[in-house]
Amino acid sequence: MEKMNPVVHFEMPYENGERLVKFYTEAFGWRMQKLGKEMGDYVTAATTETDENNMIKKPGAINGGFFPKKPDEPAQHPSVVIAVDNIQEAMKEVIDAGGKILGGPVEIPGIGQYVSFIDTEGNHVSLLEAINIA
């Protein structure tokens, strides 16, 4: 079977955390969780049921998160996160296909390795090599 990496997460910037949480909770019933300063004021968004490991129960559904807008940082736009088996290999494939990697992979505790890139059309996208929870 041909390789196909799925979209597993979305991310969007926010300006006001309280307003953000209120909007998505009221408009869509999402379970929003503020992670605090130690996690960069990231806010997770549960859009579908998850199991005890926070993995989605419904195939094809994804959860997401929101990060605070910072005027001095580039590429702060809505984006998607693509799951990969090997982040180093995927980074090379992105470069070989004409994309640009933004920095190096960072460890997200309990989740895995994460890195952002810009595709050939200027879109901000990210890669995630998840820790095998099973």
N, C-alpha and C. Protein backbone atom coordinates (compact mmCIF):
# COMPACT_ATOMS: atom_id res chain seq x y z
N MET A 1 0.84 -1.19 0.00
CA MET A 1 0.00 0.00 0.00
C MET A 1 0.87 1.24 0.00
N GLU A 2 0.45 2.22 -0.74
CA GLU A 2 1.14 3.49 -0.84
C GLU A 2 1.08 4.26 0.48
N LYS A 3 2.16 4.98 0.80
CA LYS A 3 2.20 5.77 2.04
C LYS A 3 1.17 6.88 1.98
N MET A 4 0.41 7.05 3.09
CA MET A 4 -0.53 8.16 3.20
C MET A 4 -0.57 8.58 4.66
N ASN A 5 -0.05 9.79 4.95
CA ASN A 5 -0.02 10.31 6.32
C ASN A 5 -1.28 11.11 6.60
N PRO A 6 -2.01 10.79 7.68
CA PRO A 6 -3.27 11.47 7.97
C PRO A 6 -3.10 12.80 8.72
N VAL A 7 -4.08 13.68 8.55
CA VAL A 7 -4.18 14.88 9.36
C VAL A 7 -4.74 14.44 10.70
N VAL A 8 -4.07 14.78 11.81
CA VAL A 8 -4.48 14.30 13.12
C VAL A 8 -4.80 15.41 14.12
N HIS A 9 -4.61 16.67 13.72
CA HIS A 9 -4.75 17.76 14.68
C HIS A 9 -4.86 19.06 13.88
N PHE A 10 -5.52 20.06 14.42
CA PHE A 10 -5.51 21.39 13.82
C PHE A 10 -5.02 22.37 14.86
N GLU A 11 -4.52 23.51 14.40
CA GLU A 11 -4.08 24.58 15.30
C GLU A 11 -4.50 25.92 14.73
N MET A 12 -4.87 26.84 15.63
CA MET A 12 -5.23 28.19 15.23
C MET A 12 -4.74 29.17 16.30
N PRO A 13 -4.40 30.38 15.89
CA PRO A 13 -3.99 31.39 16.88
C PRO A 13 -5.20 32.04 17.56
N TYR A 14 -4.95 32.60 18.74
CA TYR A 14 -6.00 33.35 19.43
C TYR A 14 -5.43 34.62 20.04
N GLU A 15 -6.31 35.60 20.28
CA GLU A 15 -5.91 36.85 20.92
C GLU A 15 -6.38 36.90 22.37
N ASN A 16 -7.57 36.37 22.66
CA ASN A 16 -8.15 36.45 24.00
C ASN A 16 -8.61 35.05 24.41
N GLY A 17 -7.90 34.45 25.36
CA GLY A 17 -8.17 33.07 25.78
C GLY A 17 -9.56 32.86 26.35
N GLU A 18 -10.03 33.78 27.17
CA GLU A 18 -11.37 33.65 27.76
C GLU A 18 -12.44 33.68 26.68
N ARG A 19 -12.31 34.63 25.76
CA ARG A 19 -13.26 34.77 24.66
C ARG A 19 -13.23 33.53 23.77
N LEU A 20 -12.03 33.02 23.51
CA LEU A 20 -11.85 31.81 22.69
C LEU A 20 -12.59 30.62 23.29
N VAL A 21 -12.34 30.35 24.57
CA VAL A 21 -12.95 29.21 25.26
C VAL A 21 -14.47 29.34 25.26
N LYS A 22 -14.96 30.53 25.57
CA LYS A 22 -16.41 30.76 25.61
C LYS A 22 -17.03 30.51 24.24
N PHE A 23 -16.42 31.02 23.18
CA PHE A 23 -16.98 30.88 21.84
C PHE A 23 -17.08 29.42 21.41
N TYR A 24 -15.98 28.67 21.46
CA TYR A 24 -16.00 27.30 20.95
C TYR A 24 -16.80 26.35 21.84
N THR A 25 -16.87 26.66 23.15
CA THR A 25 -17.71 25.86 24.04
C THR A 25 -19.18 26.09 23.72
N GLU A 26 -19.57 27.37 23.61
CA GLU A 26 -20.97 27.70 23.34
C GLU A 26 -21.42 27.36 21.92
N ALA A 27 -20.57 27.65 20.92
CA ALA A 27 -20.97 27.46 19.53
C ALA A 27 -20.97 26.00 19.11
N PHE A 28 -20.01 25.20 19.61
CA PHE A 28 -19.85 23.84 19.12
C PHE A 28 -19.84 22.76 20.19
N GLY A 29 -19.87 23.15 21.47
CA GLY A 29 -19.84 22.16 22.54
C GLY A 29 -18.49 21.51 22.76
N TRP A 30 -17.42 22.12 22.24
CA TRP A 30 -16.08 21.55 22.40
C TRP A 30 -15.64 21.66 23.85
N ARG A 31 -14.84 20.70 24.31
CA ARG A 31 -14.25 20.73 25.64
C ARG A 31 -12.89 21.42 25.52
N MET A 32 -12.81 22.64 26.03
CA MET A 32 -11.60 23.44 25.92
C MET A 32 -10.82 23.36 27.23
N GLN A 33 -9.50 23.22 27.12
CA GLN A 33 -8.66 23.15 28.32
C GLN A 33 -7.46 24.05 28.17
N LYS A 34 -7.34 25.03 29.10
CA LYS A 34 -6.18 25.93 29.10
C LYS A 34 -5.04 25.21 29.81
N LEU A 35 -3.87 25.15 29.15
CA LEU A 35 -2.73 24.43 29.72
C LEU A 35 -1.82 25.30 30.57
N GLY A 36 -1.95 26.61 30.50
CA GLY A 36 -1.17 27.48 31.37
C GLY A 36 0.16 27.92 30.79
N LYS A 37 0.82 28.81 31.55
CA LYS A 37 2.08 29.42 31.12
C LYS A 37 3.17 28.39 30.82
N GLU A 38 3.25 27.33 31.65
CA GLU A 38 4.33 26.33 31.47
C GLU A 38 4.22 25.60 30.14
N MET A 39 3.04 25.64 29.51
CA MET A 39 2.84 25.02 28.19
C MET A 39 2.54 26.10 27.14
N GLY A 40 3.08 27.30 27.35
CA GLY A 40 2.95 28.37 26.37
C GLY A 40 1.54 28.91 26.19
N ASP A 41 0.70 28.79 27.24
CA ASP A 41 -0.68 29.25 27.19
C ASP A 41 -1.49 28.58 26.08
N TYR A 42 -1.09 27.36 25.74
CA TYR A 42 -1.80 26.59 24.72
C TYR A 42 -3.17 26.18 25.26
N VAL A 43 -4.16 26.12 24.40
CA VAL A 43 -5.50 25.71 24.77
C VAL A 43 -5.88 24.52 23.89
N THR A 44 -6.17 23.37 24.50
CA THR A 44 -6.58 22.22 23.71
C THR A 44 -8.07 22.27 23.45
N ALA A 45 -8.48 21.67 22.33
CA ALA A 45 -9.88 21.61 21.94
C ALA A 45 -10.26 20.17 21.65
N ALA A 46 -11.09 19.58 22.51
CA ALA A 46 -11.61 18.24 22.27
C ALA A 46 -12.90 18.40 21.47
N THR A 47 -12.88 17.95 20.21
CA THR A 47 -14.02 18.10 19.32
C THR A 47 -14.79 16.80 19.16
N THR A 48 -14.26 15.73 19.74
CA THR A 48 -14.86 14.41 19.62
C THR A 48 -14.48 13.59 20.84
N GLU A 49 -15.19 12.51 21.09
CA GLU A 49 -14.91 11.67 22.26
C GLU A 49 -13.52 11.04 22.17
N THR A 50 -12.86 10.95 23.33
CA THR A 50 -11.54 10.32 23.39
C THR A 50 -11.55 9.22 24.44
N ASP A 51 -10.54 8.34 24.34
CA ASP A 51 -10.42 7.26 25.31
C ASP A 51 -9.52 7.70 26.47
N GLU A 52 -9.15 6.76 27.34
CA GLU A 52 -8.34 7.09 28.52
C GLU A 52 -6.96 7.62 28.17
N ASN A 53 -6.47 7.38 26.93
CA ASN A 53 -5.18 7.90 26.49
C ASN A 53 -5.32 9.18 25.67
N ASN A 54 -6.53 9.79 25.69
CA ASN A 54 -6.83 10.98 24.91
C ASN A 54 -6.73 10.76 23.40
N MET A 55 -6.91 9.51 22.97
CA MET A 55 -6.94 9.19 21.55
C MET A 55 -8.40 9.18 21.11
N ILE A 56 -8.66 9.64 19.89
CA ILE A 56 -10.03 9.74 19.40
C ILE A 56 -10.68 8.36 19.27
N LYS A 57 -11.98 8.30 19.53
CA LYS A 57 -12.73 7.06 19.40
C LYS A 57 -13.32 6.90 18.00
N LYS A 58 -13.65 8.00 17.34
CA LYS A 58 -14.31 7.97 16.04
C LYS A 58 -13.28 8.15 14.92
N PRO A 59 -13.08 7.13 14.09
CA PRO A 59 -12.11 7.25 12.99
C PRO A 59 -12.44 8.45 12.09
N GLY A 60 -11.41 9.19 11.71
CA GLY A 60 -11.59 10.33 10.83
C GLY A 60 -11.78 11.66 11.55
N ALA A 61 -12.15 11.62 12.82
CA ALA A 61 -12.33 12.85 13.59
C ALA A 61 -10.97 13.29 14.14
N ILE A 62 -10.80 14.59 14.36
CA ILE A 62 -9.56 15.10 14.94
C ILE A 62 -9.88 16.11 16.02
N ASN A 63 -8.93 16.28 16.93
CA ASN A 63 -9.00 17.33 17.95
C ASN A 63 -8.01 18.41 17.54
N GLY A 64 -7.92 19.45 18.35
CA GLY A 64 -7.04 20.53 17.98
C GLY A 64 -6.59 21.36 19.15
N GLY A 65 -6.01 22.51 18.83
CA GLY A 65 -5.54 23.41 19.86
C GLY A 65 -5.36 24.81 19.33
N PHE A 66 -5.20 25.73 20.27
CA PHE A 66 -5.05 27.14 19.95
C PHE A 66 -3.82 27.68 20.67
N PHE A 67 -3.08 28.55 20.01
CA PHE A 67 -1.89 29.17 20.59
C PHE A 67 -2.05 30.68 20.58
N PRO A 68 -1.44 31.38 21.56
CA PRO A 68 -1.56 32.84 21.58
C PRO A 68 -0.82 33.48 20.41
N LYS A 69 -1.45 34.49 19.81
CA LYS A 69 -0.80 35.24 18.74
C LYS A 69 0.36 36.03 19.33
N LYS A 70 1.46 36.06 18.58
CA LYS A 70 2.64 36.83 18.99
C LYS A 70 3.06 37.67 17.80
N PRO A 71 3.01 38.99 17.93
CA PRO A 71 3.26 39.87 16.78
C PRO A 71 4.64 39.72 16.16
N ASP A 72 5.62 39.20 16.91
CA ASP A 72 6.98 39.11 16.40
C ASP A 72 7.32 37.75 15.80
N GLU A 73 6.35 36.84 15.65
CA GLU A 73 6.64 35.52 15.10
C GLU A 73 5.93 35.33 13.76
N PRO A 74 6.62 34.66 12.81
CA PRO A 74 6.02 34.44 11.48
C PRO A 74 5.02 33.27 11.48
N ALA A 75 4.25 33.19 10.42
CA ALA A 75 3.39 32.04 10.12
C ALA A 75 2.39 31.70 11.22
N GLN A 76 1.73 32.72 11.74
CA GLN A 76 0.72 32.47 12.77
C GLN A 76 -0.66 32.44 12.13
N HIS A 77 -0.95 31.32 11.51
CA HIS A 77 -2.19 31.12 10.79
C HIS A 77 -2.77 29.77 11.17
N PRO A 78 -4.06 29.54 10.88
CA PRO A 78 -4.60 28.20 11.09
C PRO A 78 -3.77 27.18 10.31
N SER A 79 -3.57 26.02 10.90
CA SER A 79 -2.79 24.99 10.22
C SER A 79 -3.27 23.60 10.64
N VAL A 80 -2.78 22.62 9.94
CA VAL A 80 -3.07 21.23 10.27
C VAL A 80 -1.79 20.52 10.65
N VAL A 81 -1.94 19.45 11.42
CA VAL A 81 -0.81 18.65 11.86
C VAL A 81 -0.94 17.27 11.21
N ILE A 82 0.14 16.83 10.58
CA ILE A 82 0.16 15.55 9.86
C ILE A 82 0.98 14.54 10.65
N ALA A 83 0.41 13.36 10.90
CA ALA A 83 1.12 12.30 11.61
C ALA A 83 2.12 11.62 10.68
N VAL A 84 3.33 11.40 11.20
CA VAL A 84 4.37 10.69 10.45
C VAL A 84 5.01 9.64 11.35
N ASP A 85 5.58 8.60 10.72
CA ASP A 85 6.25 7.55 11.49
C ASP A 85 7.63 7.96 11.95
N ASN A 86 8.33 8.77 11.13
CA ASN A 86 9.70 9.17 11.42
C ASN A 86 9.84 10.65 11.06
N ILE A 87 9.96 11.50 12.07
CA ILE A 87 9.97 12.94 11.82
C ILE A 87 11.19 13.39 11.02
N GLN A 88 12.35 12.79 11.28
CA GLN A 88 13.56 13.17 10.53
C GLN A 88 13.41 12.84 9.04
N GLU A 89 12.89 11.67 8.75
CA GLU A 89 12.66 11.26 7.36
C GLU A 89 11.61 12.16 6.71
N ALA A 90 10.54 12.47 7.44
CA ALA A 90 9.48 13.33 6.90
C ALA A 90 10.00 14.74 6.63
N MET A 91 10.88 15.26 7.50
CA MET A 91 11.46 16.58 7.29
C MET A 91 12.27 16.60 5.99
N LYS A 92 13.04 15.54 5.75
CA LYS A 92 13.82 15.44 4.52
C LYS A 92 12.89 15.40 3.31
N GLU A 93 11.80 14.65 3.41
CA GLU A 93 10.85 14.57 2.30
C GLU A 93 10.19 15.92 2.02
N VAL A 94 9.88 16.68 3.07
CA VAL A 94 9.31 18.02 2.90
C VAL A 94 10.30 18.91 2.15
N ILE A 95 11.56 18.89 2.56
CA ILE A 95 12.60 19.70 1.91
C ILE A 95 12.77 19.26 0.45
N ASP A 96 12.87 17.94 0.23
CA ASP A 96 13.05 17.42 -1.12
C ASP A 96 11.88 17.79 -2.04
N ALA A 97 10.68 17.94 -1.47
CA ALA A 97 9.50 18.28 -2.27
C ALA A 97 9.34 19.79 -2.45
N GLY A 98 10.25 20.59 -1.85
CA GLY A 98 10.23 22.03 -2.05
C GLY A 98 9.72 22.84 -0.86
N GLY A 99 9.47 22.19 0.27
CA GLY A 99 9.01 22.89 1.47
C GLY A 99 10.18 23.41 2.29
N LYS A 100 9.86 24.21 3.32
CA LYS A 100 10.88 24.78 4.19
C LYS A 100 10.55 24.45 5.65
N ILE A 101 11.46 23.76 6.33
CA ILE A 101 11.28 23.41 7.73
C ILE A 101 11.55 24.64 8.59
N LEU A 102 10.71 24.87 9.60
CA LEU A 102 10.86 26.02 10.50
C LEU A 102 11.48 25.53 11.81
N GLY A 103 12.79 25.67 11.93
CA GLY A 103 13.47 25.24 13.15
C GLY A 103 13.67 23.74 13.18
N GLY A 104 13.81 23.21 14.41
CA GLY A 104 14.01 21.78 14.58
C GLY A 104 12.87 21.19 15.37
N PRO A 105 12.80 19.86 15.42
CA PRO A 105 11.73 19.21 16.17
C PRO A 105 11.81 19.56 17.66
N VAL A 106 10.64 19.72 18.28
CA VAL A 106 10.58 19.94 19.72
C VAL A 106 9.79 18.79 20.34
N GLU A 107 10.12 18.47 21.56
CA GLU A 107 9.44 17.41 22.30
C GLU A 107 8.22 18.00 22.99
N ILE A 108 7.05 17.43 22.72
CA ILE A 108 5.84 17.78 23.46
C ILE A 108 5.65 16.66 24.47
N PRO A 109 5.81 16.96 25.76
CA PRO A 109 5.77 15.91 26.78
C PRO A 109 4.50 15.05 26.69
N GLY A 110 4.71 13.74 26.64
CA GLY A 110 3.61 12.79 26.60
C GLY A 110 2.95 12.65 25.24
N ILE A 111 3.39 13.43 24.25
CA ILE A 111 2.78 13.39 22.92
C ILE A 111 3.77 12.90 21.87
N GLY A 112 4.92 13.57 21.74
CA GLY A 112 5.91 13.16 20.75
C GLY A 112 6.72 14.33 20.23
N GLN A 113 7.34 14.14 19.05
CA GLN A 113 8.18 15.14 18.40
C GLN A 113 7.34 15.94 17.40
N TYR A 114 7.54 17.26 17.36
CA TYR A 114 6.72 18.17 16.56
C TYR A 114 7.61 19.18 15.86
N VAL A 115 7.30 19.48 14.60
CA VAL A 115 8.02 20.53 13.88
C VAL A 115 7.07 21.14 12.85
N SER A 116 7.22 22.44 12.60
CA SER A 116 6.40 23.13 11.61
C SER A 116 7.18 23.32 10.32
N PHE A 117 6.43 23.49 9.22
CA PHE A 117 7.05 23.78 7.94
C PHE A 117 6.12 24.65 7.09
N ILE A 118 6.70 25.23 6.04
CA ILE A 118 5.94 26.00 5.06
C ILE A 118 5.96 25.18 3.77
N ASP A 119 4.76 24.95 3.21
CA ASP A 119 4.71 24.18 1.97
C ASP A 119 5.03 25.07 0.77
N THR A 120 4.99 24.53 -0.42
CA THR A 120 5.36 25.30 -1.62
C THR A 120 4.40 26.43 -1.93
N GLU A 121 3.22 26.44 -1.28
CA GLU A 121 2.23 27.49 -1.52
C GLU A 121 2.18 28.53 -0.41
N GLY A 122 3.10 28.42 0.56
CA GLY A 122 3.16 29.37 1.66
C GLY A 122 2.27 29.01 2.84
N ASN A 123 1.69 27.82 2.83
CA ASN A 123 0.85 27.38 3.94
C ASN A 123 1.69 26.86 5.09
N HIS A 124 1.26 27.17 6.32
CA HIS A 124 1.92 26.71 7.53
C HIS A 124 1.31 25.36 7.90
N VAL A 125 2.15 24.33 8.00
CA VAL A 125 1.71 22.97 8.30
C VAL A 125 2.70 22.40 9.33
N SER A 126 2.31 21.35 10.05
CA SER A 126 3.21 20.76 11.03
C SER A 126 3.25 19.24 10.89
N LEU A 127 4.33 18.66 11.40
CA LEU A 127 4.51 17.21 11.44
C LEU A 127 4.54 16.76 12.89
N LEU A 128 3.99 15.57 13.16
CA LEU A 128 4.02 15.00 14.49
C LEU A 128 4.39 13.53 14.42
N GLU A 129 5.49 13.18 15.10
CA GLU A 129 5.83 11.77 15.31
C GLU A 129 5.40 11.45 16.73
N ALA A 130 4.25 10.80 16.84
CA ALA A 130 3.67 10.54 18.15
C ALA A 130 4.39 9.40 18.86
N ILE A 131 4.38 9.50 20.20
CA ILE A 131 4.88 8.42 21.04
C ILE A 131 3.89 7.27 20.90
N ASN A 132 4.38 6.06 20.79
CA ASN A 132 3.49 4.91 20.67
C ASN A 132 2.91 4.62 22.06
N ILE A 133 1.61 4.90 22.22
CA ILE A 133 0.94 4.75 23.51
C ILE A 133 0.52 3.31 23.78
N ALA A 134 0.31 2.57 22.70
CA ALA A 134 -0.21 1.20 22.86
C ALA A 134 0.70 0.29 23.64
